[in-house]
Amino acid sequence: MTVVHIVLFKFKPDVDGNQTLEFVRGLKDRVPEVDTVQLGVNFNTERAKGFTHGFTMTFKDKGALDAYDKSQAHIDAVKEYIAPITEDLLIFDYEVENFSFPPPAPVTADS
């Protein structure tokens, strides 16, 4: 079952969060268990509780997420790049069925 890994960042003052997110994007190339990476800047600051940037990663299963968590690339990223510049992180992992909503339209001979 696909696993989604979400991380939200609350950076220390005067930190350019965009540079950190670009480093995170590079983890996909260094950790083969990462299937996809999406990065973004929060545009709704009223409800954000100080979290300004975030990313999602997808993995094929919990084992792949565990391998990512234990990978040297991830450990180094947290220790050297993320921990020194963040005030807080919010991490949320969940499993999803491989489905879409609404379901795709059926294929017909007229399509």
N, C-alpha and C. Protein backbone atom coordinates (compact mmCIF):
# COMPACT_ATOMS: atom_id res chain seq x y z
N MET A 1 0.84 -1.17 0.00
CA MET A 1 0.00 0.00 0.00
C MET A 1 0.89 1.24 0.00
N THR A 2 0.59 2.21 -0.82
CA THR A 2 1.38 3.43 -0.93
C THR A 2 1.40 4.19 0.40
N VAL A 3 2.56 4.74 0.75
CA VAL A 3 2.72 5.54 1.96
C VAL A 3 3.03 6.98 1.56
N VAL A 4 2.34 7.92 2.20
CA VAL A 4 2.59 9.35 1.99
C VAL A 4 3.27 9.89 3.25
N HIS A 5 4.36 10.61 3.04
CA HIS A 5 5.17 11.19 4.12
C HIS A 5 5.10 12.70 3.95
N ILE A 6 4.51 13.39 4.93
CA ILE A 6 4.35 14.84 4.86
C ILE A 6 5.22 15.48 5.94
N VAL A 7 5.97 16.52 5.56
CA VAL A 7 6.77 17.27 6.52
C VAL A 7 6.48 18.75 6.33
N LEU A 8 6.10 19.42 7.42
CA LEU A 8 5.88 20.86 7.42
C LEU A 8 6.99 21.52 8.23
N PHE A 9 7.46 22.67 7.74
CA PHE A 9 8.59 23.37 8.35
C PHE A 9 8.17 24.70 8.95
N LYS A 10 8.68 24.97 10.14
CA LYS A 10 8.63 26.31 10.73
C LYS A 10 10.10 26.71 10.88
N PHE A 11 10.56 27.56 9.99
CA PHE A 11 11.98 27.93 9.97
C PHE A 11 12.28 29.02 11.00
N LYS A 12 13.54 29.06 11.42
CA LYS A 12 14.01 30.14 12.28
C LYS A 12 13.95 31.45 11.50
N PRO A 13 13.85 32.58 12.20
CA PRO A 13 13.82 33.87 11.49
C PRO A 13 15.04 34.03 10.59
N ASP A 14 14.85 34.69 9.48
CA ASP A 14 15.91 35.01 8.52
C ASP A 14 16.45 33.80 7.77
N VAL A 15 15.74 32.69 7.77
CA VAL A 15 16.15 31.51 7.01
C VAL A 15 15.37 31.47 5.71
N ASP A 16 16.06 31.21 4.61
CA ASP A 16 15.41 31.05 3.31
C ASP A 16 14.98 29.59 3.17
N GLY A 17 13.72 29.33 3.45
CA GLY A 17 13.20 27.97 3.38
C GLY A 17 13.26 27.36 2.01
N ASN A 18 13.25 28.18 0.97
CA ASN A 18 13.29 27.64 -0.39
C ASN A 18 14.58 26.89 -0.67
N GLN A 19 15.70 27.34 -0.11
CA GLN A 19 16.96 26.62 -0.32
C GLN A 19 16.90 25.23 0.31
N THR A 20 16.31 25.14 1.48
CA THR A 20 16.19 23.84 2.14
C THR A 20 15.31 22.91 1.33
N LEU A 21 14.22 23.42 0.80
CA LEU A 21 13.34 22.57 0.02
C LEU A 21 14.03 22.07 -1.24
N GLU A 22 14.88 22.88 -1.83
CA GLU A 22 15.62 22.41 -3.01
C GLU A 22 16.55 21.27 -2.63
N PHE A 23 17.14 21.32 -1.44
CA PHE A 23 17.96 20.22 -0.98
C PHE A 23 17.12 18.97 -0.81
N VAL A 24 15.92 19.12 -0.25
CA VAL A 24 15.01 17.99 -0.07
C VAL A 24 14.68 17.36 -1.42
N ARG A 25 14.44 18.20 -2.42
CA ARG A 25 14.13 17.69 -3.76
C ARG A 25 15.23 16.73 -4.23
N GLY A 26 16.47 17.05 -3.91
CA GLY A 26 17.60 16.22 -4.32
C GLY A 26 17.65 14.86 -3.64
N LEU A 27 16.93 14.69 -2.53
CA LEU A 27 16.93 13.39 -1.86
C LEU A 27 16.36 12.30 -2.75
N LYS A 28 15.45 12.66 -3.64
CA LYS A 28 14.87 11.65 -4.55
C LYS A 28 15.96 10.99 -5.38
N ASP A 29 16.96 11.76 -5.78
CA ASP A 29 18.05 11.21 -6.59
C ASP A 29 19.03 10.38 -5.76
N ARG A 30 19.08 10.63 -4.46
CA ARG A 30 20.05 9.92 -3.62
C ARG A 30 19.45 8.75 -2.84
N VAL A 31 18.14 8.68 -2.76
CA VAL A 31 17.48 7.61 -2.01
C VAL A 31 16.48 6.92 -2.94
N PRO A 32 16.81 5.74 -3.44
CA PRO A 32 15.97 5.10 -4.45
C PRO A 32 14.57 4.72 -3.97
N GLU A 33 14.36 4.63 -2.67
CA GLU A 33 13.03 4.26 -2.15
C GLU A 33 12.00 5.37 -2.33
N VAL A 34 12.44 6.61 -2.56
CA VAL A 34 11.51 7.73 -2.74
C VAL A 34 10.91 7.64 -4.14
N ASP A 35 9.58 7.54 -4.21
CA ASP A 35 8.91 7.49 -5.52
C ASP A 35 8.66 8.88 -6.08
N THR A 36 8.07 9.76 -5.27
CA THR A 36 7.78 11.12 -5.73
C THR A 36 8.08 12.12 -4.63
N VAL A 37 8.34 13.37 -5.05
CA VAL A 37 8.55 14.48 -4.12
C VAL A 37 7.77 15.68 -4.65
N GLN A 38 7.01 16.31 -3.78
CA GLN A 38 6.33 17.56 -4.12
C GLN A 38 6.66 18.57 -3.03
N LEU A 39 7.00 19.79 -3.44
CA LEU A 39 7.40 20.84 -2.51
C LEU A 39 6.47 22.02 -2.64
N GLY A 40 6.31 22.78 -1.57
CA GLY A 40 5.47 23.95 -1.69
C GLY A 40 5.65 24.94 -0.56
N VAL A 41 5.17 26.16 -0.83
CA VAL A 41 5.16 27.24 0.14
C VAL A 41 3.71 27.49 0.52
N ASN A 42 3.44 27.59 1.80
CA ASN A 42 2.08 27.80 2.27
C ASN A 42 1.58 29.19 1.87
N PHE A 43 0.43 29.23 1.26
CA PHE A 43 -0.16 30.51 0.87
C PHE A 43 -1.27 30.94 1.82
N ASN A 44 -1.63 30.09 2.77
CA ASN A 44 -2.70 30.40 3.71
C ASN A 44 -2.12 30.53 5.11
N THR A 45 -1.47 31.65 5.37
CA THR A 45 -0.72 31.80 6.61
C THR A 45 -1.60 31.94 7.86
N GLU A 46 -2.86 32.28 7.70
CA GLU A 46 -3.74 32.44 8.87
C GLU A 46 -3.89 31.14 9.66
N ARG A 47 -3.96 30.02 8.96
CA ARG A 47 -4.20 28.73 9.63
C ARG A 47 -2.93 27.91 9.82
N ALA A 48 -1.80 28.45 9.45
CA ALA A 48 -0.57 27.66 9.37
C ALA A 48 0.18 27.48 10.68
N LYS A 49 -0.14 28.26 11.70
CA LYS A 49 0.54 28.17 12.99
C LYS A 49 2.06 28.31 12.85
N GLY A 50 2.48 29.15 11.90
CA GLY A 50 3.90 29.43 11.72
C GLY A 50 4.62 28.51 10.74
N PHE A 51 3.96 27.48 10.26
CA PHE A 51 4.58 26.59 9.28
C PHE A 51 4.48 27.25 7.91
N THR A 52 5.61 27.39 7.25
CA THR A 52 5.65 28.16 6.00
C THR A 52 5.92 27.33 4.76
N HIS A 53 6.59 26.21 4.90
CA HIS A 53 6.99 25.38 3.76
C HIS A 53 6.67 23.92 4.09
N GLY A 54 6.54 23.12 3.05
CA GLY A 54 6.29 21.71 3.28
C GLY A 54 6.63 20.87 2.07
N PHE A 55 6.68 19.58 2.31
CA PHE A 55 6.85 18.65 1.20
C PHE A 55 6.11 17.37 1.49
N THR A 56 5.79 16.67 0.42
CA THR A 56 5.26 15.32 0.52
C THR A 56 6.16 14.41 -0.30
N MET A 57 6.34 13.23 0.20
CA MET A 57 7.04 12.17 -0.53
C MET A 57 6.12 10.96 -0.52
N THR A 58 6.20 10.17 -1.57
CA THR A 58 5.47 8.91 -1.57
C THR A 58 6.46 7.76 -1.68
N PHE A 59 6.06 6.65 -1.08
CA PHE A 59 6.86 5.43 -1.04
C PHE A 59 5.94 4.26 -1.37
N LYS A 60 6.50 3.19 -1.90
CA LYS A 60 5.65 2.06 -2.30
C LYS A 60 5.02 1.36 -1.11
N ASP A 61 5.67 1.44 0.08
CA ASP A 61 5.14 0.78 1.27
C ASP A 61 5.88 1.27 2.51
N LYS A 62 5.48 0.76 3.67
CA LYS A 62 6.11 1.17 4.93
C LYS A 62 7.59 0.81 4.97
N GLY A 63 7.94 -0.32 4.36
CA GLY A 63 9.34 -0.74 4.34
C GLY A 63 10.22 0.26 3.60
N ALA A 64 9.71 0.81 2.51
CA ALA A 64 10.47 1.81 1.75
C ALA A 64 10.64 3.09 2.57
N LEU A 65 9.59 3.50 3.29
CA LEU A 65 9.70 4.68 4.16
C LEU A 65 10.72 4.43 5.26
N ASP A 66 10.71 3.24 5.84
CA ASP A 66 11.67 2.89 6.88
C ASP A 66 13.09 2.93 6.34
N ALA A 67 13.30 2.42 5.13
CA ALA A 67 14.63 2.45 4.52
C ALA A 67 15.08 3.89 4.30
N TYR A 68 14.16 4.76 3.86
CA TYR A 68 14.47 6.18 3.68
C TYR A 68 14.87 6.81 5.01
N ASP A 69 14.07 6.55 6.06
CA ASP A 69 14.36 7.12 7.38
C ASP A 69 15.74 6.73 7.88
N LYS A 70 16.18 5.52 7.56
CA LYS A 70 17.47 5.02 8.03
C LYS A 70 18.62 5.29 7.06
N SER A 71 18.32 5.84 5.89
CA SER A 71 19.37 6.08 4.89
C SER A 71 20.32 7.17 5.36
N GLN A 72 21.57 7.04 4.97
CA GLN A 72 22.57 8.04 5.36
C GLN A 72 22.24 9.40 4.77
N ALA A 73 21.68 9.43 3.56
CA ALA A 73 21.31 10.71 2.94
C ALA A 73 20.27 11.44 3.78
N HIS A 74 19.28 10.71 4.29
CA HIS A 74 18.24 11.32 5.13
C HIS A 74 18.82 11.77 6.47
N ILE A 75 19.60 10.92 7.10
CA ILE A 75 20.21 11.26 8.39
C ILE A 75 21.07 12.50 8.27
N ASP A 76 21.89 12.56 7.22
CA ASP A 76 22.75 13.73 6.99
C ASP A 76 21.93 14.98 6.73
N ALA A 77 20.86 14.84 5.95
CA ALA A 77 20.01 16.00 5.63
C ALA A 77 19.41 16.59 6.90
N VAL A 78 18.90 15.75 7.77
CA VAL A 78 18.29 16.24 9.01
C VAL A 78 19.34 16.89 9.90
N LYS A 79 20.46 16.23 10.07
CA LYS A 79 21.49 16.71 10.99
C LYS A 79 22.16 17.99 10.49
N GLU A 80 22.52 18.03 9.21
CA GLU A 80 23.34 19.12 8.69
C GLU A 80 22.53 20.29 8.13
N TYR A 81 21.36 20.02 7.58
CA TYR A 81 20.64 21.07 6.87
C TYR A 81 19.32 21.47 7.53
N ILE A 82 18.60 20.52 8.06
CA ILE A 82 17.25 20.82 8.53
C ILE A 82 17.23 21.22 10.01
N ALA A 83 17.80 20.42 10.89
CA ALA A 83 17.74 20.71 12.33
C ALA A 83 18.30 22.08 12.70
N PRO A 84 19.43 22.51 12.13
CA PRO A 84 19.98 23.80 12.55
C PRO A 84 19.14 25.02 12.18
N ILE A 85 18.23 24.88 11.22
CA ILE A 85 17.51 26.07 10.74
C ILE A 85 16.01 26.03 11.00
N THR A 86 15.54 25.00 11.70
CA THR A 86 14.10 24.91 11.95
C THR A 86 13.78 25.13 13.42
N GLU A 87 12.66 25.81 13.64
CA GLU A 87 12.12 25.95 14.99
C GLU A 87 11.25 24.75 15.33
N ASP A 88 10.56 24.23 14.31
CA ASP A 88 9.64 23.13 14.55
C ASP A 88 9.38 22.40 13.25
N LEU A 89 9.05 21.13 13.37
CA LEU A 89 8.64 20.29 12.24
C LEU A 89 7.35 19.59 12.62
N LEU A 90 6.53 19.34 11.64
CA LEU A 90 5.36 18.49 11.83
C LEU A 90 5.45 17.39 10.79
N ILE A 91 5.50 16.15 11.23
CA ILE A 91 5.66 15.02 10.33
C ILE A 91 4.43 14.13 10.46
N PHE A 92 3.88 13.74 9.32
CA PHE A 92 2.64 12.95 9.30
C PHE A 92 2.78 11.92 8.19
N ASP A 93 2.64 10.65 8.54
CA ASP A 93 2.75 9.55 7.58
C ASP A 93 1.44 8.77 7.56
N TYR A 94 1.00 8.40 6.37
CA TYR A 94 -0.22 7.60 6.28
C TYR A 94 -0.19 6.72 5.03
N GLU A 95 -1.00 5.66 5.09
CA GLU A 95 -1.13 4.75 3.95
C GLU A 95 -2.38 5.11 3.16
N VAL A 96 -2.29 4.93 1.85
CA VAL A 96 -3.45 5.18 0.99
C VAL A 96 -3.64 4.00 0.05
N GLU A 97 -4.90 3.73 -0.22
CA GLU A 97 -5.23 2.77 -1.26
C GLU A 97 -4.93 3.43 -2.60
N ASN A 98 -4.62 2.65 -3.57
CA ASN A 98 -4.36 3.19 -4.90
C ASN A 98 -5.67 3.38 -5.62
N PHE A 99 -6.31 4.51 -5.35
CA PHE A 99 -7.56 4.84 -6.02
C PHE A 99 -7.59 6.34 -6.24
N SER A 100 -8.51 6.77 -7.06
CA SER A 100 -8.69 8.20 -7.26
C SER A 100 -10.16 8.52 -7.10
N PHE A 101 -10.45 9.74 -6.69
CA PHE A 101 -11.83 10.16 -6.50
C PHE A 101 -11.99 11.51 -7.16
N PRO A 102 -12.94 11.71 -7.99
CA PRO A 102 -13.87 10.68 -8.42
C PRO A 102 -13.17 9.65 -9.30
N PRO A 103 -13.75 8.47 -9.41
CA PRO A 103 -13.11 7.44 -10.24
C PRO A 103 -13.04 7.90 -11.69
N PRO A 104 -12.02 7.44 -12.42
CA PRO A 104 -11.92 7.84 -13.82
C PRO A 104 -13.13 7.38 -14.61
N ALA A 105 -13.46 8.14 -15.63
CA ALA A 105 -14.59 7.79 -16.49
C ALA A 105 -14.27 6.50 -17.23
N PRO A 106 -15.25 5.64 -17.42
CA PRO A 106 -14.98 4.39 -18.14
C PRO A 106 -14.62 4.68 -19.60
N VAL A 107 -13.78 3.84 -20.12
CA VAL A 107 -13.39 3.96 -21.53
C VAL A 107 -14.44 3.27 -22.37
N THR A 108 -14.92 3.96 -23.37
CA THR A 108 -15.94 3.39 -24.26
C THR A 108 -15.42 3.43 -25.68
N ALA A 109 -16.13 2.77 -26.55
CA ALA A 109 -15.74 2.75 -27.96
C ALA A 109 -15.78 4.15 -28.56
N ASP A 110 -16.61 5.03 -28.00
CA ASP A 110 -16.73 6.40 -28.51
C ASP A 110 -15.64 7.32 -27.96
N SER A 111 -14.87 6.89 -26.97
CA SER A 111 -13.86 7.76 -26.34
C SER A 111 -12.67 7.96 -27.22
